[in-house]
């Protein structure tokens, strides 16, 4: 085993770990936007905005309306600590709510096309 690699891994700061986690998540999200799930509830303006944004990007998604399918509430809670609506998942990774989705859009990370190059 390469001890230099192990020693370098031990010296990663908390900030670097968080940054690395963010970069890995962004790369996963950029590679494949084919598996998008969104938990919604009726009368939720943020849910409507999230669905419109995904639709405007030609991104297909599976919607789980928790009022029509109450069993989806416990499923959602087992997948994320988020308790507000909508809750989004891309490739089984919890993304968060509409604000998080909007942040991905502002970073040009929402696309139905696979990027040629990742940063």
PDB file of N, CA and C in Angstrom:
ATOM      1  N   UNK A   1       0.837  -1.171   0.000  1.00  0.00           N
ATOM      2  CA  UNK A   1       0.000   0.000   0.000  1.00  0.00           C
ATOM      3  C   UNK A   1       0.889   1.243   0.000  1.00  0.00           C
ATOM      4  N   UNK A   2       0.499   2.267  -0.696  1.00  0.00           N
ATOM      5  CA  UNK A   2       1.267   3.500  -0.812  1.00  0.00           C
ATOM      6  C   UNK A   2       1.067   4.353   0.437  1.00  0.00           C
ATOM      7  N   UNK A   3       2.096   4.422   1.287  1.00  0.00           N
ATOM      8  CA  UNK A   3       1.975   5.162   2.546  1.00  0.00           C
ATOM      9  C   UNK A   3       1.897   6.669   2.319  1.00  0.00           C
ATOM     10  N   UNK A   4       2.521   7.183   1.258  1.00  0.00           N
ATOM     11  CA  UNK A   4       2.417   8.613   0.957  1.00  0.00           C
ATOM     12  C   UNK A   4       0.961   8.993   0.708  1.00  0.00           C
ATOM     13  N   UNK A   5       0.250   8.151  -0.015  1.00  0.00           N
ATOM     14  CA  UNK A   5      -1.154   8.410  -0.301  1.00  0.00           C
ATOM     15  C   UNK A   5      -1.953   8.449   1.001  1.00  0.00           C
ATOM     16  N   UNK A   6      -1.679   7.516   1.898  1.00  0.00           N
ATOM     17  CA  UNK A   6      -2.380   7.454   3.177  1.00  0.00           C
ATOM     18  C   UNK A   6      -2.072   8.691   4.003  1.00  0.00           C
ATOM     19  N   UNK A   7      -0.807   9.099   4.051  1.00  0.00           N
ATOM     20  CA  UNK A   7      -0.431  10.282   4.817  1.00  0.00           C
ATOM     21  C   UNK A   7      -1.085  11.538   4.254  1.00  0.00           C
ATOM     22  N   UNK A   8      -1.162  11.648   2.932  1.00  0.00           N
ATOM     23  CA  UNK A   8      -1.817  12.795   2.311  1.00  0.00           C
ATOM     24  C   UNK A   8      -3.306  12.800   2.639  1.00  0.00           C
ATOM     25  N   UNK A   9      -3.920  11.635   2.636  1.00  0.00           N
ATOM     26  CA  UNK A   9      -5.351  11.528   2.932  1.00  0.00           C
ATOM     27  C   UNK A   9      -5.642  11.952   4.366  1.00  0.00           C
ATOM     28  N   UNK A  10      -4.727  11.699   5.277  1.00  0.00           N
ATOM     29  CA  UNK A  10      -4.921  12.060   6.677  1.00  0.00           C
ATOM     30  C   UNK A  10      -4.862  13.566   6.899  1.00  0.00           C
ATOM     31  N   UNK A  11      -4.207  14.277   6.006  1.00  0.00           N
ATOM     32  CA  UNK A  11      -4.015  15.717   6.207  1.00  0.00           C
ATOM     33  C   UNK A  11      -5.086  16.570   5.542  1.00  0.00           C
ATOM     34  N   UNK A  12      -6.097  15.979   4.967  1.00  0.00           N
ATOM     35  CA  UNK A  12      -7.174  16.744   4.332  1.00  0.00           C
ATOM     36  C   UNK A  12      -7.998  17.432   5.416  1.00  0.00           C
ATOM     37  N   UNK A  13      -8.193  18.732   5.258  1.00  0.00           N
ATOM     38  CA  UNK A  13      -8.957  19.502   6.242  1.00  0.00           C
ATOM     39  C   UNK A  13     -10.457  19.265   6.065  1.00  0.00           C
ATOM     40  N   UNK A  14     -11.214  19.685   7.061  1.00  0.00           N
ATOM     41  CA  UNK A  14     -12.667  19.571   6.990  1.00  0.00           C
ATOM     42  C   UNK A  14     -13.203  20.354   5.801  1.00  0.00           C
ATOM     43  N   UNK A  15     -12.657  21.554   5.586  1.00  0.00           N
ATOM     44  CA  UNK A  15     -13.078  22.375   4.451  1.00  0.00           C
ATOM     45  C   UNK A  15     -12.800  21.654   3.137  1.00  0.00           C
ATOM     46  N   UNK A  16     -11.614  21.056   3.018  1.00  0.00           N
ATOM     47  CA  UNK A  16     -11.262  20.333   1.791  1.00  0.00           C
ATOM     48  C   UNK A  16     -12.166  19.128   1.584  1.00  0.00           C
ATOM     49  N   UNK A  17     -12.536  18.449   2.663  1.00  0.00           N
ATOM     50  CA  UNK A  17     -13.444  17.313   2.555  1.00  0.00           C
ATOM     51  C   UNK A  17     -14.802  17.766   2.039  1.00  0.00           C
ATOM     52  N   UNK A  18     -15.297  18.872   2.590  1.00  0.00           N
ATOM     53  CA  UNK A  18     -16.593  19.393   2.151  1.00  0.00           C
ATOM     54  C   UNK A  18     -16.525  19.823   0.690  1.00  0.00           C
ATOM     55  N   UNK A  19     -15.432  20.468   0.310  1.00  0.00           N
ATOM     56  CA  UNK A  19     -15.264  20.898  -1.080  1.00  0.00           C
ATOM     57  C   UNK A  19     -15.184  19.695  -2.016  1.00  0.00           C
ATOM     58  N   UNK A  20     -14.451  18.677  -1.611  1.00  0.00           N
ATOM     59  CA  UNK A  20     -14.328  17.466  -2.420  1.00  0.00           C
ATOM     60  C   UNK A  20     -15.677  16.779  -2.565  1.00  0.00           C
ATOM     61  N   UNK A  21     -16.430  16.701  -1.477  1.00  0.00           N
ATOM     62  CA  UNK A  21     -17.767  16.091  -1.522  1.00  0.00           C
ATOM     63  C   UNK A  21     -18.657  16.852  -2.498  1.00  0.00           C
ATOM     64  N   UNK A  22     -18.614  18.193  -2.429  1.00  0.00           N
ATOM     65  CA  UNK A  22     -19.404  19.035  -3.338  1.00  0.00           C
ATOM     66  C   UNK A  22     -19.002  18.794  -4.788  1.00  0.00           C
ATOM     67  N   UNK A  23     -17.701  18.736  -5.051  1.00  0.00           N
ATOM     68  CA  UNK A  23     -17.230  18.511  -6.429  1.00  0.00           C
ATOM     69  C   UNK A  23     -17.632  17.135  -6.939  1.00  0.00           C
ATOM     70  N   UNK A  24     -17.538  16.123  -6.085  1.00  0.00           N
ATOM     71  CA  UNK A  24     -17.941  14.778  -6.497  1.00  0.00           C
ATOM     72  C   UNK A  24     -19.428  14.730  -6.799  1.00  0.00           C
ATOM     73  N   UNK A  25     -20.242  15.355  -5.937  1.00  0.00           N
ATOM     74  CA  UNK A  25     -21.683  15.384  -6.161  1.00  0.00           C
ATOM     75  C   UNK A  25     -21.999  16.098  -7.465  1.00  0.00           C
ATOM     76  N   UNK A  26     -21.348  17.220  -7.720  1.00  0.00           N
ATOM     77  CA  UNK A  26     -21.599  17.966  -8.949  1.00  0.00           C
ATOM     78  C   UNK A  26     -21.217  17.149 -10.180  1.00  0.00           C
ATOM     79  N   UNK A  27     -20.113  16.403 -10.094  1.00  0.00           N
ATOM     80  CA  UNK A  27     -19.720  15.567 -11.218  1.00  0.00           C
ATOM     81  C   UNK A  27     -20.712  14.443 -11.452  1.00  0.00           C
ATOM     82  N   UNK A  28     -21.218  13.842 -10.379  1.00  0.00           N
ATOM     83  CA  UNK A  28     -22.238  12.799 -10.525  1.00  0.00           C
ATOM     84  C   UNK A  28     -23.470  13.382 -11.186  1.00  0.00           C
ATOM     85  N   UNK A  29     -23.885  14.568 -10.727  1.00  0.00           N
ATOM     86  CA  UNK A  29     -25.082  15.190 -11.269  1.00  0.00           C
ATOM     87  C   UNK A  29     -24.895  15.571 -12.731  1.00  0.00           C
ATOM     88  N   UNK A  30     -23.693  15.980 -13.113  1.00  0.00           N
ATOM     89  CA  UNK A  30     -23.445  16.415 -14.481  1.00  0.00           C
ATOM     90  C   UNK A  30     -23.376  15.245 -15.445  1.00  0.00           C
ATOM     91  N   UNK A  31     -23.002  14.075 -14.955  1.00  0.00           N
ATOM     92  CA  UNK A  31     -22.828  12.946 -15.854  1.00  0.00           C
ATOM     93  C   UNK A  31     -24.137  12.394 -16.399  1.00  0.00           C
ATOM     94  N   UNK A  32     -25.180  12.433 -15.588  1.00  0.00           N
ATOM     95  CA  UNK A  32     -26.415  11.799 -16.021  1.00  0.00           C
ATOM     96  C   UNK A  32     -27.599  12.444 -15.321  1.00  0.00           C
ATOM     97  N   UNK A  33     -28.408  13.141 -16.077  1.00  0.00           N
ATOM     98  CA  UNK A  33     -29.583  13.778 -15.511  1.00  0.00           C
ATOM     99  C   UNK A  33     -30.834  12.977 -15.857  1.00  0.00           C
ATOM    100  N   UNK A  34     -30.670  11.693 -16.126  1.00  0.00           N
ATOM    101  CA  UNK A  34     -31.803  10.877 -16.552  1.00  0.00           C
ATOM    102  C   UNK A  34     -32.649  10.363 -15.399  1.00  0.00           C
ATOM    103  N   UNK A  35     -32.124  10.395 -14.190  1.00  0.00           N
ATOM    104  CA  UNK A  35     -32.866   9.854 -13.061  1.00  0.00           C
ATOM    105  C   UNK A  35     -33.140  10.963 -12.050  1.00  0.00           C
ATOM    106  N   UNK A  36     -34.183  11.733 -12.298  1.00  0.00           N
ATOM    107  CA  UNK A  36     -34.563  12.828 -11.418  1.00  0.00           C
ATOM    108  C   UNK A  36     -35.888  12.478 -10.769  1.00  0.00           C
ATOM    109  N   UNK A  37     -35.932  12.605  -9.445  1.00  0.00           N
ATOM    110  CA  UNK A  37     -37.149  12.347  -8.686  1.00  0.00           C
ATOM    111  C   UNK A  37     -37.467  13.596  -7.877  1.00  0.00           C
ATOM    112  N   UNK A  38     -38.748  13.914  -7.770  1.00  0.00           N
ATOM    113  CA  UNK A  38     -39.167  15.079  -7.016  1.00  0.00           C
ATOM    114  C   UNK A  38     -40.393  14.737  -6.178  1.00  0.00           C
ATOM    115  N   UNK A  39     -40.297  14.994  -4.868  1.00  0.00           N
ATOM    116  CA  UNK A  39     -41.414  14.800  -3.949  1.00  0.00           C
ATOM    117  C   UNK A  39     -42.132  16.140  -3.823  1.00  0.00           C
ATOM    118  N   UNK A  40     -43.432  16.153  -4.061  1.00  0.00           N
ATOM    119  CA  UNK A  40     -44.205  17.384  -4.064  1.00  0.00           C
ATOM    120  C   UNK A  40     -45.465  17.245  -3.222  1.00  0.00           C
ATOM    121  N   UNK A  41     -46.129  18.382  -3.037  1.00  0.00           N
ATOM    122  CA  UNK A  41     -47.451  18.397  -2.397  1.00  0.00           C
ATOM    123  C   UNK A  41     -48.297  19.457  -3.103  1.00  0.00           C
ATOM    124  N   UNK A  42     -49.602  19.309  -3.100  1.00  0.00           N
ATOM    125  CA  UNK A  42     -50.475  20.280  -3.770  1.00  0.00           C
ATOM    126  C   UNK A  42     -50.360  21.668  -3.134  1.00  0.00           C
ATOM    127  N   UNK A  43     -50.506  22.691  -3.964  1.00  0.00           N
ATOM    128  CA  UNK A  43     -50.489  24.064  -3.474  1.00  0.00           C
ATOM    129  C   UNK A  43     -49.112  24.587  -3.131  1.00  0.00           C
ATOM    130  N   UNK A  44     -48.081  23.867  -3.502  1.00  0.00           N
ATOM    131  CA  UNK A  44     -46.701  24.250  -3.186  1.00  0.00           C
ATOM    132  C   UNK A  44     -46.123  25.036  -4.362  1.00  0.00           C
ATOM    133  N   UNK A  45     -45.941  26.320  -4.174  1.00  0.00           N
ATOM    134  CA  UNK A  45     -45.394  27.166  -5.230  1.00  0.00           C
ATOM    135  C   UNK A  45     -43.983  26.771  -5.632  1.00  0.00           C
ATOM    136  N   UNK A  46     -43.148  26.420  -4.651  1.00  0.00           N
ATOM    137  CA  UNK A  46     -41.780  26.006  -4.967  1.00  0.00           C
ATOM    138  C   UNK A  46     -41.767  24.711  -5.778  1.00  0.00           C
ATOM    139  N   UNK A  47     -42.732  23.830  -5.496  1.00  0.00           N
ATOM    140  CA  UNK A  47     -42.840  22.581  -6.265  1.00  0.00           C
ATOM    141  C   UNK A  47     -43.151  22.901  -7.727  1.00  0.00           C
ATOM    142  N   UNK A  48     -44.087  23.814  -7.924  1.00  0.00           N
ATOM    143  CA  UNK A  48     -44.470  24.225  -9.275  1.00  0.00           C
ATOM    144  C   UNK A  48     -43.280  24.829 -10.008  1.00  0.00           C
ATOM    145  N   UNK A  49     -42.538  25.705  -9.321  1.00  0.00           N
ATOM    146  CA  UNK A  49     -41.364  26.333  -9.941  1.00  0.00           C
ATOM    147  C   UNK A  49     -40.300  25.298 -10.295  1.00  0.00           C
ATOM    148  N   UNK A  50     -40.079  24.339  -9.410  1.00  0.00           N
ATOM    149  CA  UNK A  50     -39.071  23.308  -9.663  1.00  0.00           C
ATOM    150  C   UNK A  50     -39.445  22.473 -10.889  1.00  0.00           C
ATOM    151  N   UNK A  51     -40.717  22.090 -10.966  1.00  0.00           N
ATOM    152  CA  UNK A  51     -41.164  21.291 -12.117  1.00  0.00           C
ATOM    153  C   UNK A  51     -41.061  22.092 -13.414  1.00  0.00           C
ATOM    154  N   UNK A  52     -41.396  23.370 -13.357  1.00  0.00           N
ATOM    155  CA  UNK A  52     -41.276  24.219 -14.545  1.00  0.00           C
ATOM    156  C   UNK A  52     -39.829  24.356 -14.990  1.00  0.00           C
ATOM    157  N   UNK A  53     -38.929  24.518 -14.028  1.00  0.00           N
ATOM    158  CA  UNK A  53     -37.510  24.646 -14.366  1.00  0.00           C
ATOM    159  C   UNK A  53     -36.997  23.369 -15.024  1.00  0.00           C
ATOM    160  N   UNK A  54     -37.327  22.220 -14.442  1.00  0.00           N
ATOM    161  CA  UNK A  54     -36.888  20.946 -15.024  1.00  0.00           C
ATOM    162  C   UNK A  54     -37.469  20.764 -16.428  1.00  0.00           C
ATOM    163  N   UNK A  55     -38.733  21.091 -16.588  1.00  0.00           N
ATOM    164  CA  UNK A  55     -39.396  20.962 -17.887  1.00  0.00           C
ATOM    165  C   UNK A  55     -38.767  21.895 -18.912  1.00  0.00           C
ATOM    166  N   UNK A  56     -38.429  23.125 -18.484  1.00  0.00           N
ATOM    167  CA  UNK A  56     -37.820  24.092 -19.414  1.00  0.00           C
ATOM    168  C   UNK A  56     -36.453  23.637 -19.886  1.00  0.00           C
ATOM    169  N   UNK A  57     -35.799  22.777 -19.116  1.00  0.00           N
ATOM    170  CA  UNK A  57     -34.494  22.232 -19.491  1.00  0.00           C
ATOM    171  C   UNK A  57     -34.624  20.893 -20.215  1.00  0.00           C
ATOM    172  N   UNK A  58     -35.853  20.509 -20.543  1.00  0.00           N
ATOM    173  CA  UNK A  58     -36.130  19.221 -21.183  1.00  0.00           C
ATOM    174  C   UNK A  58     -35.614  18.042 -20.361  1.00  0.00           C
ATOM    175  N   UNK A  59     -35.718  18.167 -19.051  1.00  0.00           N
ATOM    176  CA  UNK A  59     -35.293  17.099 -18.158  1.00  0.00           C
ATOM    177  C   UNK A  59     -36.515  16.330 -17.673  1.00  0.00           C
ATOM    178  N   UNK A  60     -36.529  15.049 -17.943  1.00  0.00           N
ATOM    179  CA  UNK A  60     -37.626  14.193 -17.482  1.00  0.00           C
ATOM    180  C   UNK A  60     -37.453  13.933 -15.992  1.00  0.00           C
ATOM    181  N   UNK A  61     -38.564  13.814 -15.292  1.00  0.00           N
ATOM    182  CA  UNK A  61     -38.498  13.549 -13.862  1.00  0.00           C
ATOM    183  C   UNK A  61     -39.701  12.717 -13.446  1.00  0.00           C
ATOM    184  N   UNK A  62     -39.538  12.041 -12.324  1.00  0.00           N
ATOM    185  CA  UNK A  62     -40.624  11.285 -11.722  1.00  0.00           C
ATOM    186  C   UNK A  62     -41.117  12.081 -10.528  1.00  0.00           C
ATOM    187  N   UNK A  63     -42.419  12.369 -10.533  1.00  0.00           N
ATOM    188  CA  UNK A  63     -43.007  13.141  -9.443  1.00  0.00           C
ATOM    189  C   UNK A  63     -43.744  12.228  -8.488  1.00  0.00           C
ATOM    190  N   UNK A  64     -43.510  12.447  -7.191  1.00  0.00           N
ATOM    191  CA  UNK A  64     -44.229  11.727  -6.153  1.00  0.00           C
ATOM    192  C   UNK A  64     -45.045  12.755  -5.371  1.00  0.00           C
ATOM    193  N   UNK A  65     -46.339  12.806  -5.611  1.00  0.00           N
ATOM    194  CA  UNK A  65     -47.241  13.692  -4.879  1.00  0.00           C
ATOM    195  C   UNK A  65     -47.593  12.980  -3.573  1.00  0.00           C
ATOM    196  N   UNK A  66     -47.131  13.540  -2.461  1.00  0.00           N
ATOM    197  CA  UNK A  66     -47.301  12.854  -1.181  1.00  0.00           C
ATOM    198  C   UNK A  66     -48.742  12.869  -0.680  1.00  0.00           C
ATOM    199  N   UNK A  67     -49.602  13.698  -1.248  1.00  0.00           N
ATOM    200  CA  UNK A  67     -51.014  13.681  -0.865  1.00  0.00           C
ATOM    201  C   UNK A  67     -51.741  12.545  -1.576  1.00  0.00           C
ATOM    202  N   UNK A  68     -51.374  12.304  -2.830  1.00  0.00           N
ATOM    203  CA  UNK A  68     -51.974  11.196  -3.570  1.00  0.00           C
ATOM    204  C   UNK A  68     -51.375   9.856  -3.139  1.00  0.00           C
ATOM    205  N   UNK A  69     -50.119   9.893  -2.679  1.00  0.00           N
ATOM    206  CA  UNK A  69     -49.416   8.669  -2.274  1.00  0.00           C
ATOM    207  C   UNK A  69     -48.742   8.910  -0.919  1.00  0.00           C
ATOM    208  N   UNK A  70     -49.523   8.856   0.170  1.00  0.00           N
ATOM    209  CA  UNK A  70     -48.982   9.162   1.502  1.00  0.00           C
ATOM    210  C   UNK A  70     -47.799   8.284   1.917  1.00  0.00           C
ATOM    211  N   UNK A  71     -47.700   7.102   1.371  1.00  0.00           N
ATOM    212  CA  UNK A  71     -46.576   6.223   1.710  1.00  0.00           C
ATOM    213  C   UNK A  71     -45.241   6.820   1.267  1.00  0.00           C
ATOM    214  N   UNK A  72     -45.297   7.751   0.326  1.00  0.00           N
ATOM    215  CA  UNK A  72     -44.074   8.392  -0.173  1.00  0.00           C
ATOM    216  C   UNK A  72     -43.456   9.338   0.861  1.00  0.00           C
ATOM    217  N   UNK A  73     -44.251   9.767   1.855  1.00  0.00           N
ATOM    218  CA  UNK A  73     -43.714  10.647   2.895  1.00  0.00           C
ATOM    219  C   UNK A  73     -42.631   9.922   3.685  1.00  0.00           C
ATOM    220  N   UNK A  74     -42.934   8.711   4.137  1.00  0.00           N
ATOM    221  CA  UNK A  74     -41.935   7.952   4.909  1.00  0.00           C
ATOM    222  C   UNK A  74     -40.750   7.557   4.037  1.00  0.00           C
ATOM    223  N   UNK A  75     -41.010   7.287   2.770  1.00  0.00           N
ATOM    224  CA  UNK A  75     -39.912   6.980   1.847  1.00  0.00           C
ATOM    225  C   UNK A  75     -38.976   8.177   1.726  1.00  0.00           C
ATOM    226  N   UNK A  76     -39.561   9.361   1.529  1.00  0.00           N
ATOM    227  CA  UNK A  76     -38.762  10.573   1.403  1.00  0.00           C
ATOM    228  C   UNK A  76     -37.947  10.809   2.671  1.00  0.00           C
ATOM    229  N   UNK A  77     -38.585  10.654   3.820  1.00  0.00           N
ATOM    230  CA  UNK A  77     -37.902  10.897   5.096  1.00  0.00           C
ATOM    231  C   UNK A  77     -36.770   9.918   5.351  1.00  0.00           C
ATOM    232  N   UNK A  78     -36.874   8.724   4.776  1.00  0.00           N
ATOM    233  CA  UNK A  78     -35.783   7.760   4.941  1.00  0.00           C
ATOM    234  C   UNK A  78     -34.605   8.089   4.018  1.00  0.00           C
ATOM    235  N   UNK A  79     -34.852   8.906   3.005  1.00  0.00           N
ATOM    236  CA  UNK A  79     -33.813   9.238   2.022  1.00  0.00           C
ATOM    237  C   UNK A  79     -33.106  10.557   2.297  1.00  0.00           C
ATOM    238  N   UNK A  80     -33.762  11.450   3.057  1.00  0.00           N
ATOM    239  CA  UNK A  80     -33.184  12.771   3.293  1.00  0.00           C
ATOM    240  C   UNK A  80     -33.677  13.330   4.618  1.00  0.00           C
ATOM    241  N   UNK A  81     -32.917  14.260   5.156  1.00  0.00           N
ATOM    242  CA  UNK A  81     -33.337  14.961   6.366  1.00  0.00           C
ATOM    243  C   UNK A  81     -34.235  16.138   6.022  1.00  0.00           C
ATOM    244  N   UNK A  82     -34.308  16.497   4.745  1.00  0.00           N
ATOM    245  CA  UNK A  82     -35.144  17.597   4.298  1.00  0.00           C
ATOM    246  C   UNK A  82     -36.614  17.313   4.578  1.00  0.00           C
ATOM    247  N   UNK A  83     -37.312  18.284   5.142  1.00  0.00           N
ATOM    248  CA  UNK A  83     -38.717  18.092   5.490  1.00  0.00           C
ATOM    249  C   UNK A  83     -39.631  19.061   4.762  1.00  0.00           C
ATOM    250  N   UNK A  84     -39.070  19.891   3.909  1.00  0.00           N
ATOM    251  CA  UNK A  84     -39.872  20.844   3.143  1.00  0.00           C
ATOM    252  C   UNK A  84     -40.091  20.296   1.738  1.00  0.00           C
ATOM    253  N   UNK A  85     -40.969  20.953   1.007  1.00  0.00           N
ATOM    254  CA  UNK A  85     -41.259  20.522  -0.356  1.00  0.00           C
ATOM    255  C   UNK A  85     -40.908  21.638  -1.316  1.00  0.00           C
ATOM    256  N   UNK A  86     -40.409  21.266  -2.485  1.00  0.00           N
ATOM    257  CA  UNK A  86     -40.127  19.911  -2.964  1.00  0.00           C
ATOM    258  C   UNK A  86     -38.821  19.377  -2.378  1.00  0.00           C
ATOM    259  N   UNK A  87     -38.627  18.086  -2.491  1.00  0.00           N
ATOM    260  CA  UNK A  87     -37.337  17.445  -2.225  1.00  0.00           C
ATOM    261  C   UNK A  87     -36.938  16.746  -3.512  1.00  0.00           C
ATOM    262  N   UNK A  88     -35.734  17.050  -3.975  1.00  0.00           N
ATOM    263  CA  UNK A  88     -35.262  16.526  -5.257  1.00  0.00           C
ATOM    264  C   UNK A  88     -34.108  15.556  -5.071  1.00  0.00           C
ATOM    265  N   UNK A  89     -34.096  14.559  -5.933  1.00  0.00           N
ATOM    266  CA  UNK A  89     -33.011  13.579  -5.978  1.00  0.00           C
ATOM    267  C   UNK A  89     -32.573  13.443  -7.420  1.00  0.00           C
ATOM    268  N   UNK A  90     -31.278  13.467  -7.631  1.00  0.00           N
ATOM    269  CA  UNK A  90     -30.720  13.226  -8.957  1.00  0.00           C
ATOM    270  C   UNK A  90     -29.754  12.062  -8.821  1.00  0.00           C
ATOM    271  N   UNK A  91     -30.008  11.020  -9.576  1.00  0.00           N
ATOM    272  CA  UNK A  91     -29.204   9.791  -9.502  1.00  0.00           C
ATOM    273  C   UNK A  91     -29.110   9.274  -8.067  1.00  0.00           C
ATOM    274  N   UNK A  92     -30.241   9.284  -7.371  1.00  0.00           N
ATOM    275  CA  UNK A  92     -30.358   8.807  -5.992  1.00  0.00           C
ATOM    276  C   UNK A  92     -29.585   9.650  -4.982  1.00  0.00           C
ATOM    277  N   UNK A  93     -29.086  10.807  -5.392  1.00  0.00           N
ATOM    278  CA  UNK A  93     -28.404  11.727  -4.491  1.00  0.00           C
ATOM    279  C   UNK A  93     -29.379  12.834  -4.091  1.00  0.00           C
ATOM    280  N   UNK A  94     -29.520  13.064  -2.799  1.00  0.00           N
ATOM    281  CA  UNK A  94     -30.388  14.138  -2.330  1.00  0.00           C
ATOM    282  C   UNK A  94     -29.788  15.470  -2.744  1.00  0.00           C
ATOM    283  N   UNK A  95     -30.586  16.272  -3.428  1.00  0.00           N
ATOM    284  CA  UNK A  95     -30.148  17.587  -3.881  1.00  0.00           C
ATOM    285  C   UNK A  95     -30.663  18.663  -2.944  1.00  0.00           C
ATOM    286  N   UNK A  96     -31.854  18.484  -2.416  1.00  0.00           N
ATOM    287  CA  UNK A  96     -32.473  19.475  -1.554  1.00  0.00           C
ATOM    288  C   UNK A  96     -33.751  19.976  -2.186  1.00  0.00           C
ATOM    289  N   UNK A  97     -34.050  21.245  -1.925  1.00  0.00           N
ATOM    290  CA  UNK A  97     -35.283  21.824  -2.417  1.00  0.00           C
ATOM    291  C   UNK A  97     -35.087  22.702  -3.639  1.00  0.00           C
ATOM    292  N   UNK A  98     -36.069  23.571  -3.871  1.00  0.00           N
ATOM    293  CA  UNK A  98     -36.051  24.419  -5.056  1.00  0.00           C
ATOM    294  C   UNK A  98     -34.841  25.345  -5.067  1.00  0.00           C
ATOM    295  N   UNK A  99     -34.485  25.908  -3.928  1.00  0.00           N
ATOM    296  CA  UNK A  99     -33.335  26.822  -3.866  1.00  0.00           C
ATOM    297  C   UNK A  99     -32.059  26.104  -4.311  1.00  0.00           C
ATOM    298  N   UNK A 100     -31.906  24.852  -3.911  1.00  0.00           N
ATOM    299  CA  UNK A 100     -30.732  24.075  -4.317  1.00  0.00           C
ATOM    300  C   UNK A 100     -30.758  23.792  -5.814  1.00  0.00           C
ATOM    301  N   UNK A 101     -31.946  23.508  -6.337  1.00  0.00           N
ATOM    302  CA  UNK A 101     -32.096  23.280  -7.768  1.00  0.00           C
ATOM    303  C   UNK A 101     -31.758  24.557  -8.535  1.00  0.00           C
ATOM    304  N   UNK A 102     -32.214  25.680  -8.033  1.00  0.00           N
ATOM    305  CA  UNK A 102     -31.926  26.966  -8.659  1.00  0.00           C
ATOM    306  C   UNK A 102     -30.424  27.253  -8.650  1.00  0.00           C
ATOM    307  N   UNK A 103     -29.755  26.877  -7.573  1.00  0.00           N
ATOM    308  CA  UNK A 103     -28.304  27.048  -7.503  1.00  0.00           C
ATOM    309  C   UNK A 103     -27.605  26.220  -8.580  1.00  0.00           C
ATOM    310  N   UNK A 104     -28.069  24.990  -8.788  1.00  0.00           N
ATOM    311  CA  UNK A 104     -27.498  24.160  -9.852  1.00  0.00           C
ATOM    312  C   UNK A 104     -27.698  24.828 -11.208  1.00  0.00           C
ATOM    313  N   UNK A 105     -28.872  25.421 -11.401  1.00  0.00           N
ATOM    314  CA  UNK A 105     -29.156  26.113 -12.663  1.00  0.00           C
ATOM    315  C   UNK A 105     -28.218  27.296 -12.846  1.00  0.00           C
ATOM    316  N   UNK A 106     -28.007  28.074 -11.806  1.00  0.00           N
ATOM    317  CA  UNK A 106     -27.124  29.238 -11.891  1.00  0.00           C
ATOM    318  C   UNK A 106     -25.686  28.833 -12.182  1.00  0.00           C
ATOM    319  N   UNK A 107     -25.310  27.615 -11.777  1.00  0.00           N
ATOM    320  CA  UNK A 107     -23.972  27.088 -12.030  1.00  0.00           C
ATOM    321  C   UNK A 107     -23.904  26.348 -13.368  1.00  0.00           C
ATOM    322  N   UNK A 108     -24.983  26.431 -14.157  1.00  0.00           N
ATOM    323  CA  UNK A 108     -25.069  25.743 -15.453  1.00  0.00           C
ATOM    324  C   UNK A 108     -24.848  24.245 -15.331  1.00  0.00           C
ATOM    325  N   UNK A 109     -25.396  23.650 -14.286  1.00  0.00           N
ATOM    326  CA  UNK A 109     -25.239  22.213 -14.077  1.00  0.00           C
ATOM    327  C   UNK A 109     -26.505  21.429 -14.410  1.00  0.00           C
ATOM    328  N   UNK A 110     -27.543  22.119 -14.841  1.00  0.00           N
ATOM    329  CA  UNK A 110     -28.773  21.439 -15.257  1.00  0.00           C
ATOM    330  C   UNK A 110     -28.799  21.387 -16.774  1.00  0.00           C
ATOM    331  N   UNK A 111     -28.710  20.195 -17.302  1.00  0.00           N
ATOM    332  CA  UNK A 111     -28.727  20.046 -18.742  1.00  0.00           C
ATOM    333  C   UNK A 111     -29.142  18.636 -19.093  1.00  0.00           C
ATOM    334  N   UNK A 112     -29.867  18.519 -20.188  1.00  0.00           N
ATOM    335  CA  UNK A 112     -30.239  17.181 -20.660  1.00  0.00           C
ATOM    336  C   UNK A 112     -29.114  16.566 -21.485  1.00  0.00           C
ATOM    337  N   UNK A 113     -28.070  17.368 -21.736  1.00  0.00           N
ATOM    338  CA  UNK A 113     -26.921  16.883 -22.501  1.00  0.00           C
ATOM    339  C   UNK A 113     -25.800  16.508 -21.573  1.00  0.00           C
ATOM    340  N   UNK A 114     -25.055  15.468 -21.926  1.00  0.00           N
ATOM    341  CA  UNK A 114     -23.881  15.099 -21.158  1.00  0.00           C
ATOM    342  C   UNK A 114     -22.757  16.041 -21.532  1.00  0.00           C
ATOM    343  N   UNK A 115     -22.095  16.671 -20.563  1.00  0.00           N
ATOM    344  CA  UNK A 115     -21.035  17.604 -20.894  1.00  0.00           C
ATOM    345  C   UNK A 115     -19.826  16.891 -21.487  1.00  0.00           C
ATOM    346  N   UNK A 116     -19.108  17.596 -22.359  1.00  0.00           N
ATOM    347  CA  UNK A 116     -17.900  17.051 -22.963  1.00  0.00           C
ATOM    348  C   UNK A 116     -16.737  17.095 -22.005  1.00  0.00           C
ATOM    349  N   UNK A 117     -16.803  18.017 -21.066  1.00  0.00           N
ATOM    350  CA  UNK A 117     -15.677  18.223 -20.169  1.00  0.00           C
ATOM    351  C   UNK A 117     -16.202  18.576 -18.797  1.00  0.00           C
ATOM    352  N   UNK A 118     -15.621  17.992 -17.758  1.00  0.00           N
ATOM    353  CA  UNK A 118     -15.973  18.355 -16.407  1.00  0.00           C
ATOM    354  C   UNK A 118     -14.822  19.102 -15.789  1.00  0.00           C
ATOM    355  N   UNK A 119     -15.134  20.047 -14.945  1.00  0.00           N
ATOM    356  CA  UNK A 119     -14.081  20.859 -14.314  1.00  0.00           C
ATOM    357  C   UNK A 119     -13.516  20.161 -13.109  1.00  0.00           C
TER     358      UNK A 119
END
